[in-house]
Amino acid sequence: MASDRVVDLLRKAYADEIETVMNYQTNAIVLDGVRAEEIKESLQTDIQEELGHAEQLGQRLKQLDARPPGSAEFTARQDSLQPPEDSTDVLAVIEGVLDAEEDAIATYRDLIDAAEEANDPVTEDLAVTVLSDEEAHRTEFRGFQKEYPTE
């Protein structure tokens, strides 16, 4: 039997991945301008990976006799990843992605710790794998961020 903390973190991570997909898709649609094209392409690519993460997390919850949250249980939390008012504000989207990745990284690190404490190596392995993907996304978007002057 999985610990409540492991299940809670898996459910949080699942909801976060689904919210990220929605926000990446929206930003990939609304961004305009030449500078936005590479960001839009990266977001479109990442959508598939984030959906894959959600699928893996949902399957793990099922294996633990739990279930992923449905939309009625969903609370949006990614305020900084909302589409910008100015559709050419690429930096706002980059910073929103970085915020979401930092949150995901923290969640997966917490999940690794909780799974280790619960003697759940399968969940721990899943969290380590997804953590690696999220860290790679963060690195990619940090690179994009470097192209913009800091104020």
C-alpha atoms as a PDB file:
ATOM      1  CA  MET A   1       0.000   0.000   0.000  1.00  0.00           C
ATOM      2  CA  ALA A   2       1.370   3.376  -1.028  1.00  0.00           C
ATOM      3  CA  SER A   3       1.795   6.145   1.493  1.00  0.00           C
ATOM      4  CA  ASP A   4      -0.716   8.990   1.420  1.00  0.00           C
ATOM      5  CA  ARG A   5       2.138  11.438   0.764  1.00  0.00           C
ATOM      6  CA  VAL A   6       3.262   9.501  -2.320  1.00  0.00           C
ATOM      7  CA  VAL A   7      -0.290   9.389  -3.691  1.00  0.00           C
ATOM      8  CA  ASP A   8      -0.851  13.090  -2.940  1.00  0.00           C
ATOM      9  CA  LEU A   9       2.382  14.060  -4.710  1.00  0.00           C
ATOM     10  CA  LEU A  10       1.600  11.828  -7.696  1.00  0.00           C
ATOM     11  CA  ARG A  11      -1.834  13.475  -7.979  1.00  0.00           C
ATOM     12  CA  LYS A  12      -0.311  16.959  -7.704  1.00  0.00           C
ATOM     13  CA  ALA A  13       2.296  16.139 -10.337  1.00  0.00           C
ATOM     14  CA  TYR A  14      -0.382  14.719 -12.646  1.00  0.00           C
ATOM     15  CA  ALA A  15      -2.541  17.853 -12.357  1.00  0.00           C
ATOM     16  CA  ASP A  16       0.507  20.074 -12.868  1.00  0.00           C
ATOM     17  CA  GLU A  17       1.477  18.206 -16.042  1.00  0.00           C
ATOM     18  CA  ILE A  18      -2.056  18.562 -17.439  1.00  0.00           C
ATOM     19  CA  GLU A  19      -2.104  22.281 -16.599  1.00  0.00           C
ATOM     20  CA  THR A  20       1.299  22.689 -18.235  1.00  0.00           C
ATOM     21  CA  VAL A  21       0.005  21.068 -21.424  1.00  0.00           C
ATOM     22  CA  MET A  22      -2.909  23.504 -21.520  1.00  0.00           C
ATOM     23  CA  ASN A  23      -0.685  26.530 -20.948  1.00  0.00           C
ATOM     24  CA  TYR A  24       2.027  25.430 -23.383  1.00  0.00           C
ATOM     25  CA  GLN A  25      -0.622  24.840 -26.054  1.00  0.00           C
ATOM     26  CA  THR A  26      -2.248  28.213 -25.459  1.00  0.00           C
ATOM     27  CA  ASN A  27       1.056  30.083 -25.491  1.00  0.00           C
ATOM     28  CA  ALA A  28       2.172  28.255 -28.643  1.00  0.00           C
ATOM     29  CA  ILE A  29      -1.010  29.482 -30.324  1.00  0.00           C
ATOM     30  CA  VAL A  30      -1.069  33.095 -29.106  1.00  0.00           C
ATOM     31  CA  LEU A  31       2.589  34.117 -29.367  1.00  0.00           C
ATOM     32  CA  ASP A  32       3.394  36.313 -32.369  1.00  0.00           C
ATOM     33  CA  GLY A  33       6.552  37.512 -34.027  1.00  0.00           C
ATOM     34  CA  VAL A  34       9.775  36.241 -35.478  1.00  0.00           C
ATOM     35  CA  ARG A  35      11.378  35.843 -32.052  1.00  0.00           C
ATOM     36  CA  ALA A  36       8.450  33.700 -30.931  1.00  0.00           C
ATOM     37  CA  GLU A  37       8.835  30.972 -33.535  1.00  0.00           C
ATOM     38  CA  GLU A  38      11.556  28.967 -31.780  1.00  0.00           C
ATOM     39  CA  ILE A  39       9.712  29.216 -28.458  1.00  0.00           C
ATOM     40  CA  LYS A  40       6.458  28.082 -30.065  1.00  0.00           C
ATOM     41  CA  GLU A  41       8.198  25.084 -31.648  1.00  0.00           C
ATOM     42  CA  SER A  42       9.807  24.136 -28.357  1.00  0.00           C
ATOM     43  CA  LEU A  43       6.482  24.399 -26.520  1.00  0.00           C
ATOM     44  CA  GLN A  44       4.779  22.205 -29.138  1.00  0.00           C
ATOM     45  CA  THR A  45       7.490  19.571 -28.732  1.00  0.00           C
ATOM     46  CA  ASP A  46       7.313  19.725 -24.949  1.00  0.00           C
ATOM     47  CA  ILE A  47       3.521  19.275 -24.974  1.00  0.00           C
ATOM     48  CA  GLN A  48       3.911  15.671 -26.097  1.00  0.00           C
ATOM     49  CA  GLU A  49       6.522  14.982 -23.428  1.00  0.00           C
ATOM     50  CA  GLU A  50       4.376  16.545 -20.695  1.00  0.00           C
ATOM     51  CA  LEU A  51       1.382  14.474 -21.829  1.00  0.00           C
ATOM     52  CA  GLY A  52       3.594  11.405 -21.600  1.00  0.00           C
ATOM     53  CA  HIS A  53       4.536  12.347 -18.043  1.00  0.00           C
ATOM     54  CA  ALA A  54       0.857  12.708 -17.120  1.00  0.00           C
ATOM     55  CA  GLU A  55       0.122   9.295 -18.625  1.00  0.00           C
ATOM     56  CA  GLN A  56       2.951   7.672 -16.653  1.00  0.00           C
ATOM     57  CA  LEU A  57       1.873   9.348 -13.420  1.00  0.00           C
ATOM     58  CA  GLY A  58      -1.742   8.342 -13.984  1.00  0.00           C
ATOM     59  CA  GLN A  59      -0.739   4.742 -14.651  1.00  0.00           C
ATOM     60  CA  ARG A  60       1.368   4.704 -11.495  1.00  0.00           C
ATOM     61  CA  LEU A  61      -1.571   5.988  -9.470  1.00  0.00           C
ATOM     62  CA  LYS A  62      -3.727   3.205 -10.923  1.00  0.00           C
ATOM     63  CA  GLN A  63      -1.073   0.640  -9.965  1.00  0.00           C
ATOM     64  CA  LEU A  64      -1.230   1.985  -6.417  1.00  0.00           C
ATOM     65  CA  ASP A  65      -5.041   1.571  -6.317  1.00  0.00           C
ATOM     66  CA  ALA A  66      -5.503   5.331  -6.547  1.00  0.00           C
ATOM     67  CA  ARG A  67      -6.650   7.484  -9.435  1.00  0.00           C
ATOM     68  CA  PRO A  68      -5.533  10.673 -11.109  1.00  0.00           C
ATOM     69  CA  PRO A  69      -7.638  13.748 -10.434  1.00  0.00           C
ATOM     70  CA  GLY A  70     -10.399  14.717 -12.844  1.00  0.00           C
ATOM     71  CA  SER A  71     -11.244  18.244 -13.912  1.00  0.00           C
ATOM     72  CA  ALA A  72     -13.658  18.781 -10.992  1.00  0.00           C
ATOM     73  CA  GLU A  73     -10.733  18.272  -8.616  1.00  0.00           C
ATOM     74  CA  PHE A  74      -8.447  20.575 -10.552  1.00  0.00           C
ATOM     75  CA  THR A  75      -7.139  23.882  -9.191  1.00  0.00           C
ATOM     76  CA  ALA A  76      -5.132  26.028 -11.603  1.00  0.00           C
ATOM     77  CA  ARG A  77      -1.878  27.275 -10.078  1.00  0.00           C
ATOM     78  CA  GLN A  78       0.343  28.407 -12.956  1.00  0.00           C
ATOM     79  CA  ASP A  79      -0.417  32.133 -12.840  1.00  0.00           C
ATOM     80  CA  SER A  80       2.901  33.156 -14.401  1.00  0.00           C
ATOM     81  CA  LEU A  81       2.369  30.828 -17.372  1.00  0.00           C
ATOM     82  CA  GLN A  82      -0.858  32.461 -18.491  1.00  0.00           C
ATOM     83  CA  PRO A  83      -0.690  33.932 -22.016  1.00  0.00           C
ATOM     84  CA  PRO A  84       0.587  37.504 -21.936  1.00  0.00           C
ATOM     85  CA  GLU A  85      -1.646  40.427 -22.894  1.00  0.00           C
ATOM     86  CA  ASP A  86       1.009  41.415 -25.450  1.00  0.00           C
ATOM     87  CA  SER A  87       1.260  38.464 -27.849  1.00  0.00           C
ATOM     88  CA  THR A  88       4.864  39.441 -28.660  1.00  0.00           C
ATOM     89  CA  ASP A  89       5.989  39.269 -25.004  1.00  0.00           C
ATOM     90  CA  VAL A  90       8.082  36.169 -25.494  1.00  0.00           C
ATOM     91  CA  LEU A  91      10.107  36.801 -22.340  1.00  0.00           C
ATOM     92  CA  ALA A  92       6.956  36.593 -20.181  1.00  0.00           C
ATOM     93  CA  VAL A  93       6.269  33.136 -21.592  1.00  0.00           C
ATOM     94  CA  ILE A  94       9.884  32.029 -21.087  1.00  0.00           C
ATOM     95  CA  GLU A  95       9.764  33.191 -17.462  1.00  0.00           C
ATOM     96  CA  GLY A  96       6.415  31.430 -16.980  1.00  0.00           C
ATOM     97  CA  VAL A  97       7.885  28.207 -18.327  1.00  0.00           C
ATOM     98  CA  LEU A  98      10.854  28.556 -15.967  1.00  0.00           C
ATOM     99  CA  ASP A  99       8.512  29.053 -12.999  1.00  0.00           C
ATOM    100  CA  ALA A 100       6.520  25.959 -13.974  1.00  0.00           C
ATOM    101  CA  GLU A 101       9.691  23.906 -14.413  1.00  0.00           C
ATOM    102  CA  GLU A 102      11.033  25.004 -11.007  1.00  0.00           C
ATOM    103  CA  ASP A 103       7.747  23.954  -9.411  1.00  0.00           C
ATOM    104  CA  ALA A 104       7.813  20.611 -11.224  1.00  0.00           C
ATOM    105  CA  ILE A 105      11.414  19.998 -10.192  1.00  0.00           C
ATOM    106  CA  ALA A 106      10.553  20.691  -6.556  1.00  0.00           C
ATOM    107  CA  THR A 107       7.537  18.364  -6.744  1.00  0.00           C
ATOM    108  CA  TYR A 108       9.553  15.517  -8.260  1.00  0.00           C
ATOM    109  CA  ARG A 109      12.315  15.933  -5.682  1.00  0.00           C
ATOM    110  CA  ASP A 110       9.677  15.748  -2.930  1.00  0.00           C
ATOM    111  CA  LEU A 111       8.192  12.679  -4.617  1.00  0.00           C
ATOM    112  CA  ILE A 112      11.602  10.996  -4.763  1.00  0.00           C
ATOM    113  CA  ASP A 113      12.073  11.587  -1.030  1.00  0.00           C
ATOM    114  CA  ALA A 114       8.552  10.408  -0.177  1.00  0.00           C
ATOM    115  CA  ALA A 115       8.881   7.277  -2.336  1.00  0.00           C
ATOM    116  CA  GLU A 116      12.233   6.449  -0.784  1.00  0.00           C
ATOM    117  CA  GLU A 117      10.757   6.803   2.716  1.00  0.00           C
ATOM    118  CA  ALA A 118       7.793   4.606   1.686  1.00  0.00           C
ATOM    119  CA  ASN A 119      10.115   1.964   0.220  1.00  0.00           C
ATOM    120  CA  ASP A 120       8.496   2.451  -3.209  1.00  0.00           C
ATOM    121  CA  PRO A 121      11.331   2.081  -5.732  1.00  0.00           C
ATOM    122  CA  VAL A 122       9.012   2.072  -8.755  1.00  0.00           C
ATOM    123  CA  THR A 123       7.586   5.504  -7.970  1.00  0.00           C
ATOM    124  CA  GLU A 124      11.047   6.726  -7.030  1.00  0.00           C
ATOM    125  CA  ASP A 125      12.428   5.577 -10.399  1.00  0.00           C
ATOM    126  CA  LEU A 126       9.561   7.240 -12.276  1.00  0.00           C
ATOM    127  CA  ALA A 127      10.113  10.502 -10.394  1.00  0.00           C
ATOM    128  CA  VAL A 128      13.865  10.441 -11.112  1.00  0.00           C
ATOM    129  CA  THR A 129      13.224   9.908 -14.826  1.00  0.00           C
ATOM    130  CA  VAL A 130      10.665  12.703 -15.083  1.00  0.00           C
ATOM    131  CA  LEU A 131      12.855  14.993 -12.953  1.00  0.00           C
ATOM    132  CA  SER A 132      15.605  14.589 -15.538  1.00  0.00           C
ATOM    133  CA  ASP A 133      13.225  15.644 -18.317  1.00  0.00           C
ATOM    134  CA  GLU A 134      12.059  18.690 -16.352  1.00  0.00           C
ATOM    135  CA  GLU A 135      15.638  19.749 -15.635  1.00  0.00           C
ATOM    136  CA  ALA A 136      16.397  19.491 -19.368  1.00  0.00           C
ATOM    137  CA  HIS A 137      13.388  21.727 -20.152  1.00  0.00           C
ATOM    138  CA  ARG A 138      14.597  24.240 -17.581  1.00  0.00           C
ATOM    139  CA  THR A 139      18.066  24.291 -19.138  1.00  0.00           C
ATOM    140  CA  GLU A 140      16.599  24.839 -22.604  1.00  0.00           C
ATOM    141  CA  PHE A 141      14.459  27.770 -21.462  1.00  0.00           C
ATOM    142  CA  ARG A 142      17.297  29.284 -19.431  1.00  0.00           C
ATOM    143  CA  GLY A 143      19.164  29.377 -22.737  1.00  0.00           C
ATOM    144  CA  PHE A 144      16.250  31.183 -24.396  1.00  0.00           C
ATOM    145  CA  GLN A 145      16.131  33.614 -21.476  1.00  0.00           C
ATOM    146  CA  LYS A 146      19.792  34.561 -21.984  1.00  0.00           C
ATOM    147  CA  GLU A 147      18.876  36.064 -25.368  1.00  0.00           C
ATOM    148  CA  TYR A 148      16.857  38.790 -23.647  1.00  0.00           C
ATOM    149  CA  PRO A 149      18.425  41.710 -21.773  1.00  0.00           C
ATOM    150  CA  THR A 150      17.838  41.866 -18.049  1.00  0.00           C
ATOM    151  CA  GLU A 151      16.364  45.045 -16.720  1.00  0.00           C
END
